[in-house]
Amino acid sequence: MQKKFGSKLSGGVVCPIKRAASVDFTFPSAISSIILRMTLKTQLNDSVKDAMKSGDEVRKRTVRMVLAAVKQAEVDKRVELDDTAVIGLIQKEMKNRRESLEEARKANRSDLVEANEAEINVLQTFLPKAMPADELRALVQAAITETGAAYPADMGKVMKVVMAKVAGRAPNDVVSAAVRELLQPR
């Protein structure tokens, strides 16, 4: 049995809505898994909350720094960043930590070395599994063949194709080094 319900919209228009007597609101597992998938920004926010509850100062400080970088990028570009862009920002933060780590080692500052290593470990938890070097080389070689690149001047064309396929699984500097190596004239 169906009943008709109506509601007044602005302007005095009545919108009829049909309602079934029994409605099943369960979702198939495939749909619910898509709906429940968290974005990387949501994971970062949840991680800050968990760190605050547990008292993990390193995790809280590191994730807040990443969230600040994300927010700044969103304000600068006036768009909401997707997971790929957030992964790029995390990789950039990792690169900064690695550079700081090297400088701290040169200066014999064990406290800074320890702090940077701890922050790197926190950041790595938000990145996808790293791409093996041999898989990256094969991907670069396929992109070189696909684009017809033969000289180092063609690096931009190859990088564009490779970066679309890598999807954050390898840092930009590692990818560019592999492309540069394989584009060297023989």
N, C-alpha and C. Protein backbone atom coordinates (compact mmCIF):
# COMPACT_ATOMS: atom_id res chain seq x y z
N MET A 1 0.84 -1.18 0.00
CA MET A 1 0.00 0.00 0.00
C MET A 1 0.88 1.23 0.00
N GLN A 2 0.60 2.17 -0.86
CA GLN A 2 1.37 3.39 -0.93
C GLN A 2 0.50 4.56 -0.52
N LYS A 3 1.12 5.46 0.19
CA LYS A 3 0.43 6.67 0.60
C LYS A 3 1.09 7.84 -0.10
N LYS A 4 0.29 8.84 -0.40
CA LYS A 4 0.84 10.04 -1.01
C LYS A 4 1.06 11.09 0.07
N PHE A 5 2.23 11.64 0.04
CA PHE A 5 2.56 12.74 0.94
C PHE A 5 2.92 13.93 0.09
N GLY A 6 2.71 15.08 0.58
CA GLY A 6 3.07 16.28 -0.16
C GLY A 6 3.73 17.27 0.76
N SER A 7 4.60 18.07 0.21
CA SER A 7 5.22 19.12 1.02
C SER A 7 5.23 20.39 0.19
N LYS A 8 5.06 21.50 0.86
CA LYS A 8 5.06 22.78 0.15
C LYS A 8 6.48 23.26 -0.05
N LEU A 9 6.80 23.57 -1.25
CA LEU A 9 8.09 24.17 -1.56
C LEU A 9 7.93 25.67 -1.58
N SER A 10 9.02 26.38 -1.70
CA SER A 10 8.91 27.84 -1.77
C SER A 10 8.10 28.21 -3.00
N GLY A 11 7.25 29.19 -2.88
CA GLY A 11 6.39 29.61 -3.98
C GLY A 11 5.05 28.93 -3.93
N GLY A 12 4.79 28.13 -2.90
CA GLY A 12 3.48 27.51 -2.74
C GLY A 12 3.25 26.29 -3.62
N VAL A 13 4.29 25.70 -4.24
CA VAL A 13 4.12 24.54 -5.10
C VAL A 13 4.14 23.29 -4.24
N VAL A 14 3.19 22.41 -4.43
CA VAL A 14 3.13 21.17 -3.68
C VAL A 14 3.88 20.10 -4.46
N CYS A 15 4.80 19.43 -3.77
CA CYS A 15 5.62 18.37 -4.39
C CYS A 15 5.15 17.03 -3.86
N PRO A 16 4.49 16.21 -4.69
CA PRO A 16 4.03 14.91 -4.20
C PRO A 16 5.20 13.93 -4.09
N ILE A 17 5.23 13.21 -2.98
CA ILE A 17 6.28 12.22 -2.76
C ILE A 17 5.58 10.91 -2.44
N LYS A 18 5.92 9.86 -3.17
CA LYS A 18 5.34 8.55 -2.90
C LYS A 18 6.27 7.82 -1.94
N ARG A 19 5.69 7.14 -1.00
CA ARG A 19 6.47 6.45 0.01
C ARG A 19 5.99 5.01 0.09
N ALA A 20 6.91 4.08 0.01
CA ALA A 20 6.58 2.65 0.10
C ALA A 20 6.35 2.29 1.56
N ALA A 21 5.54 1.26 1.79
CA ALA A 21 5.21 0.84 3.14
C ALA A 21 6.44 0.30 3.86
N SER A 22 7.26 -0.50 3.20
CA SER A 22 8.49 -0.99 3.83
C SER A 22 9.65 -0.73 2.88
N VAL A 23 10.68 -0.13 3.42
CA VAL A 23 11.85 0.20 2.62
C VAL A 23 13.07 -0.43 3.26
N ASP A 24 13.89 -1.09 2.46
CA ASP A 24 15.10 -1.71 2.95
C ASP A 24 16.26 -0.75 2.72
N PHE A 25 16.89 -0.28 3.80
CA PHE A 25 17.97 0.68 3.69
C PHE A 25 19.35 0.05 3.80
N THR A 26 19.49 -1.24 3.58
CA THR A 26 20.80 -1.88 3.64
C THR A 26 21.51 -1.68 2.32
N PHE A 27 22.83 -1.49 2.40
CA PHE A 27 23.63 -1.28 1.20
C PHE A 27 24.40 -2.54 0.89
N PRO A 28 24.59 -2.83 -0.39
CA PRO A 28 25.49 -3.93 -0.74
C PRO A 28 26.89 -3.60 -0.25
N SER A 29 27.68 -4.62 0.03
CA SER A 29 29.00 -4.40 0.61
C SER A 29 29.90 -3.57 -0.31
N ALA A 30 29.77 -3.72 -1.61
CA ALA A 30 30.61 -2.95 -2.53
C ALA A 30 30.32 -1.46 -2.42
N ILE A 31 29.05 -1.12 -2.33
CA ILE A 31 28.69 0.29 -2.23
C ILE A 31 29.11 0.84 -0.87
N SER A 32 28.89 0.09 0.20
CA SER A 32 29.25 0.59 1.52
C SER A 32 30.75 0.74 1.66
N SER A 33 31.54 -0.10 0.99
CA SER A 33 33.00 0.04 1.08
C SER A 33 33.45 1.30 0.34
N ILE A 34 32.76 1.67 -0.71
CA ILE A 34 33.09 2.90 -1.42
C ILE A 34 32.71 4.10 -0.58
N ILE A 35 31.54 4.04 0.02
CA ILE A 35 31.07 5.15 0.84
C ILE A 35 31.96 5.35 2.05
N LEU A 36 32.42 4.26 2.66
CA LEU A 36 33.19 4.35 3.89
C LEU A 36 34.67 4.60 3.67
N ARG A 37 35.15 4.63 2.46
CA ARG A 37 36.56 4.88 2.17
C ARG A 37 36.93 6.28 2.62
N MET A 38 37.97 6.36 3.42
CA MET A 38 38.38 7.66 3.94
C MET A 38 39.41 8.30 3.02
N THR A 39 39.32 9.60 2.90
CA THR A 39 40.33 10.32 2.16
C THR A 39 41.57 10.44 3.04
N LEU A 40 42.66 10.78 2.42
CA LEU A 40 43.92 10.92 3.14
C LEU A 40 43.85 12.07 4.14
N LYS A 41 43.15 13.14 3.78
CA LYS A 41 43.00 14.26 4.72
C LYS A 41 42.22 13.82 5.95
N THR A 42 41.20 13.01 5.77
CA THR A 42 40.43 12.49 6.90
C THR A 42 41.31 11.61 7.78
N GLN A 43 42.14 10.79 7.16
CA GLN A 43 43.06 9.95 7.93
C GLN A 43 44.04 10.80 8.73
N LEU A 44 44.53 11.88 8.12
CA LEU A 44 45.45 12.78 8.82
C LEU A 44 44.76 13.43 10.02
N ASN A 45 43.54 13.91 9.82
CA ASN A 45 42.79 14.52 10.92
C ASN A 45 42.53 13.52 12.05
N ASP A 46 42.15 12.31 11.69
CA ASP A 46 41.92 11.28 12.70
C ASP A 46 43.22 10.92 13.43
N SER A 47 44.32 10.94 12.71
CA SER A 47 45.60 10.64 13.33
C SER A 47 46.00 11.70 14.35
N VAL A 48 45.70 12.97 14.05
CA VAL A 48 45.99 14.04 15.01
C VAL A 48 45.15 13.82 16.28
N LYS A 49 43.89 13.49 16.11
CA LYS A 49 43.02 13.26 17.26
C LYS A 49 43.53 12.09 18.11
N ASP A 50 43.92 11.00 17.43
CA ASP A 50 44.44 9.85 18.15
C ASP A 50 45.73 10.18 18.88
N ALA A 51 46.59 10.96 18.23
CA ALA A 51 47.87 11.36 18.85
C ALA A 51 47.62 12.24 20.07
N MET A 52 46.63 13.10 19.98
CA MET A 52 46.31 13.96 21.12
C MET A 52 45.78 13.12 22.28
N LYS A 53 44.96 12.13 21.99
CA LYS A 53 44.42 11.27 23.04
C LYS A 53 45.50 10.42 23.70
N SER A 54 46.43 9.93 22.88
CA SER A 54 47.47 9.04 23.41
C SER A 54 48.68 9.81 23.95
N GLY A 55 48.78 11.10 23.64
CA GLY A 55 49.91 11.89 24.13
C GLY A 55 51.16 11.73 23.27
N ASP A 56 51.01 11.27 22.04
CA ASP A 56 52.15 11.10 21.13
C ASP A 56 52.49 12.45 20.50
N GLU A 57 53.44 13.15 21.10
CA GLU A 57 53.78 14.51 20.66
C GLU A 57 54.41 14.55 19.27
N VAL A 58 55.25 13.57 18.96
CA VAL A 58 55.92 13.55 17.65
C VAL A 58 54.89 13.39 16.54
N ARG A 59 53.99 12.45 16.70
CA ARG A 59 52.96 12.21 15.68
C ARG A 59 52.05 13.43 15.55
N LYS A 60 51.65 13.99 16.68
CA LYS A 60 50.76 15.15 16.66
C LYS A 60 51.43 16.33 15.94
N ARG A 61 52.68 16.60 16.28
CA ARG A 61 53.39 17.72 15.68
C ARG A 61 53.60 17.51 14.18
N THR A 62 53.99 16.30 13.81
CA THR A 62 54.29 16.00 12.41
C THR A 62 53.04 16.06 11.55
N VAL A 63 51.96 15.46 12.01
CA VAL A 63 50.72 15.43 11.22
C VAL A 63 50.12 16.84 11.14
N ARG A 64 50.21 17.59 12.21
CA ARG A 64 49.72 18.97 12.16
C ARG A 64 50.50 19.79 11.13
N MET A 65 51.81 19.54 11.03
CA MET A 65 52.62 20.26 10.06
C MET A 65 52.16 19.92 8.63
N VAL A 66 51.84 18.65 8.40
CA VAL A 66 51.35 18.23 7.08
C VAL A 66 49.99 18.86 6.80
N LEU A 67 49.11 18.84 7.78
CA LEU A 67 47.79 19.44 7.60
C LEU A 67 47.90 20.95 7.33
N ALA A 68 48.85 21.60 7.97
CA ALA A 68 49.06 23.03 7.71
C ALA A 68 49.53 23.25 6.27
N ALA A 69 50.41 22.37 5.79
CA ALA A 69 50.87 22.47 4.40
C ALA A 69 49.72 22.23 3.42
N VAL A 70 48.86 21.27 3.75
CA VAL A 70 47.69 20.99 2.91
C VAL A 70 46.77 22.19 2.87
N LYS A 71 46.48 22.74 4.03
CA LYS A 71 45.59 23.91 4.11
C LYS A 71 46.17 25.09 3.34
N GLN A 72 47.47 25.32 3.48
CA GLN A 72 48.12 26.42 2.76
C GLN A 72 48.03 26.22 1.25
N ALA A 73 48.25 25.00 0.80
CA ALA A 73 48.16 24.71 -0.63
C ALA A 73 46.73 24.91 -1.13
N GLU A 74 45.76 24.51 -0.33
CA GLU A 74 44.36 24.69 -0.73
C GLU A 74 44.00 26.17 -0.80
N VAL A 75 44.50 26.96 0.12
CA VAL A 75 44.23 28.40 0.10
C VAL A 75 44.92 29.04 -1.10
N ASP A 76 46.16 28.66 -1.35
CA ASP A 76 46.91 29.24 -2.47
C ASP A 76 46.28 28.90 -3.82
N LYS A 77 45.85 27.65 -3.98
CA LYS A 77 45.30 27.20 -5.26
C LYS A 77 43.79 27.39 -5.36
N ARG A 78 43.16 27.66 -4.22
CA ARG A 78 41.70 27.84 -4.15
C ARG A 78 40.92 26.63 -4.64
N VAL A 79 41.44 25.46 -4.30
CA VAL A 79 40.77 24.20 -4.60
C VAL A 79 40.97 23.26 -3.42
N GLU A 80 40.12 22.24 -3.33
CA GLU A 80 40.31 21.21 -2.32
C GLU A 80 41.23 20.15 -2.92
N LEU A 81 42.29 19.80 -2.23
CA LEU A 81 43.27 18.86 -2.75
C LEU A 81 42.74 17.43 -2.67
N ASP A 82 43.05 16.65 -3.69
CA ASP A 82 42.69 15.24 -3.67
C ASP A 82 43.83 14.44 -3.04
N ASP A 83 43.65 13.14 -2.95
CA ASP A 83 44.66 12.29 -2.29
C ASP A 83 46.01 12.34 -2.99
N THR A 84 46.02 12.42 -4.31
CA THR A 84 47.27 12.47 -5.04
C THR A 84 48.07 13.72 -4.69
N ALA A 85 47.41 14.85 -4.61
CA ALA A 85 48.09 16.09 -4.25
C ALA A 85 48.58 16.06 -2.80
N VAL A 86 47.80 15.46 -1.92
CA VAL A 86 48.21 15.35 -0.51
C VAL A 86 49.42 14.43 -0.40
N ILE A 87 49.44 13.35 -1.17
CA ILE A 87 50.61 12.46 -1.19
C ILE A 87 51.84 13.23 -1.65
N GLY A 88 51.68 14.08 -2.66
CA GLY A 88 52.80 14.90 -3.12
C GLY A 88 53.32 15.81 -2.03
N LEU A 89 52.42 16.39 -1.25
CA LEU A 89 52.85 17.26 -0.14
C LEU A 89 53.56 16.45 0.95
N ILE A 90 53.08 15.27 1.22
CA ILE A 90 53.74 14.42 2.23
C ILE A 90 55.13 14.03 1.74
N GLN A 91 55.25 13.72 0.46
CA GLN A 91 56.57 13.40 -0.09
C GLN A 91 57.51 14.59 0.00
N LYS A 92 57.00 15.78 -0.23
CA LYS A 92 57.80 16.99 -0.10
C LYS A 92 58.29 17.17 1.34
N GLU A 93 57.40 16.94 2.29
CA GLU A 93 57.77 17.02 3.71
C GLU A 93 58.82 15.96 4.05
N MET A 94 58.68 14.76 3.47
CA MET A 94 59.68 13.70 3.69
C MET A 94 61.04 14.13 3.15
N LYS A 95 61.03 14.73 1.98
CA LYS A 95 62.29 15.19 1.39
C LYS A 95 62.94 16.24 2.28
N ASN A 96 62.15 17.17 2.81
CA ASN A 96 62.69 18.18 3.72
C ASN A 96 63.31 17.52 4.96
N ARG A 97 62.63 16.51 5.51
CA ARG A 97 63.15 15.82 6.69
C ARG A 97 64.45 15.09 6.38
N ARG A 98 64.51 14.47 5.21
CA ARG A 98 65.75 13.77 4.83
C ARG A 98 66.92 14.74 4.69
N GLU A 99 66.66 15.91 4.09
CA GLU A 99 67.71 16.92 3.98
C GLU A 99 68.15 17.40 5.35
N SER A 100 67.20 17.63 6.23
CA SER A 100 67.52 18.05 7.61
C SER A 100 68.28 16.96 8.35
N LEU A 101 67.94 15.72 8.07
CA LEU A 101 68.62 14.58 8.68
C LEU A 101 70.09 14.56 8.29
N GLU A 102 70.37 14.76 7.00
CA GLU A 102 71.76 14.78 6.53
C GLU A 102 72.54 15.93 7.17
N GLU A 103 71.92 17.09 7.25
CA GLU A 103 72.60 18.25 7.86
C GLU A 103 72.85 18.00 9.34
N ALA A 104 71.90 17.37 10.02
CA ALA A 104 72.07 17.08 11.44
C ALA A 104 73.19 16.06 11.66
N ARG A 105 73.31 15.10 10.77
CA ARG A 105 74.40 14.12 10.86
C ARG A 105 75.75 14.79 10.66
N LYS A 106 75.82 15.71 9.69
CA LYS A 106 77.08 16.42 9.45
C LYS A 106 77.47 17.27 10.66
N ALA A 107 76.48 17.80 11.36
CA ALA A 107 76.74 18.67 12.52
C ALA A 107 76.84 17.87 13.82
N ASN A 108 76.78 16.53 13.72
CA ASN A 108 76.85 15.65 14.90
C ASN A 108 75.79 16.00 15.94
N ARG A 109 74.58 16.27 15.50
CA ARG A 109 73.47 16.59 16.40
C ARG A 109 72.56 15.37 16.49
N SER A 110 72.85 14.51 17.45
CA SER A 110 72.09 13.27 17.58
C SER A 110 70.63 13.54 17.96
N ASP A 111 70.35 14.63 18.66
CA ASP A 111 68.97 14.94 19.02
C ASP A 111 68.14 15.28 17.79
N LEU A 112 68.74 16.05 16.87
CA LEU A 112 68.02 16.39 15.64
C LEU A 112 67.90 15.19 14.71
N VAL A 113 68.92 14.33 14.70
CA VAL A 113 68.86 13.11 13.89
C VAL A 113 67.70 12.25 14.36
N GLU A 114 67.59 12.07 15.67
CA GLU A 114 66.52 11.26 16.23
C GLU A 114 65.15 11.86 15.94
N ALA A 115 65.01 13.17 16.07
CA ALA A 115 63.73 13.83 15.82
C ALA A 115 63.31 13.71 14.36
N ASN A 116 64.26 13.91 13.45
CA ASN A 116 63.93 13.80 12.02
C ASN A 116 63.58 12.37 11.63
N GLU A 117 64.29 11.40 12.19
CA GLU A 117 63.97 10.00 11.89
C GLU A 117 62.57 9.64 12.39
N ALA A 118 62.21 10.14 13.55
CA ALA A 118 60.87 9.88 14.10
C ALA A 118 59.80 10.49 13.21
N GLU A 119 60.02 11.72 12.73
CA GLU A 119 59.05 12.37 11.86
C GLU A 119 58.94 11.65 10.52
N ILE A 120 60.06 11.17 9.99
CA ILE A 120 60.04 10.42 8.73
C ILE A 120 59.22 9.14 8.90
N ASN A 121 59.39 8.47 10.03
CA ASN A 121 58.62 7.24 10.29
C ASN A 121 57.12 7.53 10.36
N VAL A 122 56.75 8.66 10.95
CA VAL A 122 55.33 9.03 11.01
C VAL A 122 54.80 9.30 9.62
N LEU A 123 55.55 10.06 8.82
CA LEU A 123 55.09 10.42 7.47
C LEU A 123 54.95 9.19 6.57
N GLN A 124 55.84 8.21 6.74
CA GLN A 124 55.79 7.02 5.89
C GLN A 124 54.51 6.22 6.06
N THR A 125 53.87 6.35 7.22
CA THR A 125 52.64 5.59 7.44
C THR A 125 51.50 6.07 6.55
N PHE A 126 51.59 7.29 6.02
CA PHE A 126 50.52 7.84 5.19
C PHE A 126 50.79 7.70 3.70
N LEU A 127 51.95 7.19 3.34
CA LEU A 127 52.29 7.04 1.93
C LEU A 127 51.97 5.62 1.46
N PRO A 128 51.63 5.47 0.17
CA PRO A 128 51.40 4.12 -0.35
C PRO A 128 52.72 3.35 -0.38
N LYS A 129 52.62 2.04 -0.50
CA LYS A 129 53.80 1.19 -0.55
C LYS A 129 54.71 1.65 -1.68
N ALA A 130 55.99 1.77 -1.38
CA ALA A 130 56.96 2.27 -2.37
C ALA A 130 57.09 1.30 -3.55
N MET A 131 57.31 1.89 -4.71
CA MET A 131 57.48 1.11 -5.93
C MET A 131 58.91 0.58 -5.99
N PRO A 132 59.09 -0.70 -6.27
CA PRO A 132 60.45 -1.25 -6.39
C PRO A 132 61.19 -0.59 -7.56
N ALA A 133 62.52 -0.51 -7.43
CA ALA A 133 63.35 0.17 -8.42
C ALA A 133 63.23 -0.48 -9.80
N ASP A 134 63.20 -1.80 -9.86
CA ASP A 134 63.11 -2.47 -11.15
C ASP A 134 61.77 -2.21 -11.84
N GLU A 135 60.69 -2.13 -11.04
CA GLU A 135 59.37 -1.81 -11.60
C GLU A 135 59.36 -0.37 -12.14
N LEU A 136 60.00 0.54 -11.41
CA LEU A 136 60.09 1.93 -11.86
C LEU A 136 60.87 2.03 -13.16
N ARG A 137 62.00 1.32 -13.25
CA ARG A 137 62.80 1.35 -14.48
C ARG A 137 62.00 0.81 -15.67
N ALA A 138 61.22 -0.25 -15.45
CA ALA A 138 60.41 -0.83 -16.52
C ALA A 138 59.33 0.16 -16.95
N LEU A 139 58.76 0.86 -15.99
CA LEU A 139 57.73 1.86 -16.28
C LEU A 139 58.31 3.03 -17.08
N VAL A 140 59.50 3.47 -16.68
CA VAL A 140 60.18 4.56 -17.40
C VAL A 140 60.53 4.12 -18.82
N GLN A 141 61.03 2.90 -18.95
CA GLN A 141 61.39 2.40 -20.28
C GLN A 141 60.16 2.31 -21.18
N ALA A 142 59.03 1.88 -20.63
CA ALA A 142 57.80 1.81 -21.41
C ALA A 142 57.34 3.20 -21.82
N ALA A 143 57.50 4.19 -20.93
CA ALA A 143 57.12 5.56 -21.26
C ALA A 143 58.02 6.16 -22.32
N ILE A 144 59.29 5.82 -22.28
CA ILE A 144 60.23 6.29 -23.32
C ILE A 144 59.83 5.73 -24.67
N THR A 145 59.49 4.46 -24.71
CA THR A 145 59.05 3.82 -25.95
C THR A 145 57.74 4.44 -26.44
N GLU A 146 56.81 4.65 -25.50
CA GLU A 146 55.49 5.21 -25.83
C GLU A 146 55.60 6.62 -26.41
N THR A 147 56.46 7.45 -25.84
CA THR A 147 56.58 8.84 -26.29
C THR A 147 57.56 9.01 -27.44
N GLY A 148 58.37 7.99 -27.70
CA GLY A 148 59.36 8.10 -28.76
C GLY A 148 60.53 8.99 -28.36
N ALA A 149 60.75 9.16 -27.09
CA ALA A 149 61.83 10.01 -26.59
C ALA A 149 63.18 9.34 -26.85
N ALA A 150 64.17 10.18 -27.19
CA ALA A 150 65.49 9.64 -27.47
C ALA A 150 66.60 10.47 -26.84
N TYR A 151 66.30 11.69 -26.47
CA TYR A 151 67.33 12.60 -25.96
C TYR A 151 66.94 13.16 -24.60
N PRO A 152 67.90 13.62 -23.83
CA PRO A 152 67.59 14.23 -22.53
C PRO A 152 66.62 15.41 -22.63
N ALA A 153 66.56 16.05 -23.78
CA ALA A 153 65.63 17.17 -23.97
C ALA A 153 64.18 16.70 -23.96
N ASP A 154 63.94 15.42 -24.16
CA ASP A 154 62.59 14.85 -24.16
C ASP A 154 62.13 14.43 -22.76
N MET A 155 62.88 14.79 -21.75
CA MET A 155 62.60 14.35 -20.38
C MET A 155 61.21 14.77 -19.92
N GLY A 156 60.76 15.95 -20.27
CA GLY A 156 59.46 16.45 -19.85
C GLY A 156 58.32 15.57 -20.33
N LYS A 157 58.39 15.13 -21.59
CA LYS A 157 57.34 14.26 -22.14
C LYS A 157 57.27 12.94 -21.38
N VAL A 158 58.44 12.39 -21.10
CA VAL A 158 58.50 11.10 -20.41
C VAL A 158 58.02 11.25 -18.97
N MET A 159 58.44 12.31 -18.30
CA MET A 159 58.04 12.53 -16.90
C MET A 159 56.53 12.65 -16.78
N LYS A 160 55.90 13.32 -17.72
CA LYS A 160 54.45 13.49 -17.68
C LYS A 160 53.74 12.14 -17.72
N VAL A 161 54.20 11.25 -18.58
CA VAL A 161 53.59 9.93 -18.70
C VAL A 161 53.88 9.08 -17.46
N VAL A 162 55.13 9.11 -16.99
CA VAL A 162 55.52 8.27 -15.85
C VAL A 162 54.82 8.72 -14.58
N MET A 163 54.77 10.02 -14.32
CA MET A 163 54.18 10.51 -13.07
C MET A 163 52.69 10.17 -12.98
N ALA A 164 52.02 10.11 -14.12
CA ALA A 164 50.61 9.72 -14.10
C ALA A 164 50.46 8.25 -13.70
N LYS A 165 51.43 7.42 -14.04
CA LYS A 165 51.36 5.99 -13.72
C LYS A 165 51.92 5.66 -12.35
N VAL A 166 52.84 6.47 -11.86
CA VAL A 166 53.47 6.20 -10.57
C VAL A 166 52.49 6.45 -9.43
N ALA A 167 51.69 7.49 -9.52
CA ALA A 167 50.64 7.83 -8.55
C ALA A 167 51.14 7.88 -7.12
N GLY A 168 52.26 8.57 -6.90
CA GLY A 168 52.74 8.80 -5.55
C GLY A 168 53.51 7.65 -4.94
N ARG A 169 53.77 6.61 -5.68
CA ARG A 169 54.49 5.46 -5.12
C ARG A 169 55.99 5.61 -5.19
N ALA A 170 56.47 6.70 -5.81
CA ALA A 170 57.90 6.99 -5.85
C ALA A 170 58.07 8.50 -5.83
N PRO A 171 59.08 8.99 -5.10
CA PRO A 171 59.31 10.44 -5.05
C PRO A 171 59.70 10.99 -6.42
N ASN A 172 59.37 12.24 -6.66
CA ASN A 172 59.65 12.87 -7.95
C ASN A 172 61.14 12.84 -8.29
N ASP A 173 62.00 13.08 -7.30
CA ASP A 173 63.43 13.11 -7.60
C ASP A 173 63.96 11.74 -8.00
N VAL A 174 63.41 10.67 -7.45
CA VAL A 174 63.82 9.31 -7.83
C VAL A 174 63.35 9.01 -9.25
N VAL A 175 62.13 9.42 -9.58
CA VAL A 175 61.60 9.21 -10.93
C VAL A 175 62.43 9.97 -11.95
N SER A 176 62.72 11.24 -11.65
CA SER A 176 63.49 12.05 -12.61
C SER A 176 64.90 11.49 -12.78
N ALA A 177 65.51 10.95 -11.72
CA ALA A 177 66.83 10.34 -11.84
C ALA A 177 66.79 9.12 -12.76
N ALA A 178 65.73 8.32 -12.63
CA ALA A 178 65.59 7.14 -13.48
C ALA A 178 65.37 7.54 -14.93
N VAL A 179 64.56 8.56 -15.16
CA VAL A 179 64.32 9.03 -16.53
C VAL A 179 65.61 9.59 -17.12
N ARG A 180 66.32 10.38 -16.35
CA ARG A 180 67.57 10.99 -16.82
C ARG A 180 68.60 9.91 -17.17
N GLU A 181 68.67 8.87 -16.34
CA GLU A 181 69.61 7.77 -16.56
C GLU A 181 69.28 7.02 -17.86
N LEU A 182 68.00 6.72 -18.07
CA LEU A 182 67.62 5.96 -19.26
C LEU A 182 67.58 6.78 -20.54
N LEU A 183 67.56 8.10 -20.42
CA LEU A 183 67.57 8.96 -21.62
C LEU A 183 68.97 9.39 -22.03
N GLN A 184 69.98 8.94 -21.35
CA GLN A 184 71.35 9.30 -21.71
C GLN A 184 71.71 8.68 -23.06
N PRO A 185 72.34 9.47 -23.93
CA PRO A 185 72.72 8.91 -25.23
C PRO A 185 73.74 7.79 -25.04
N ARG A 186 73.57 6.77 -25.78
CA ARG A 186 74.45 5.58 -25.64
C ARG A 186 75.52 5.59 -26.68
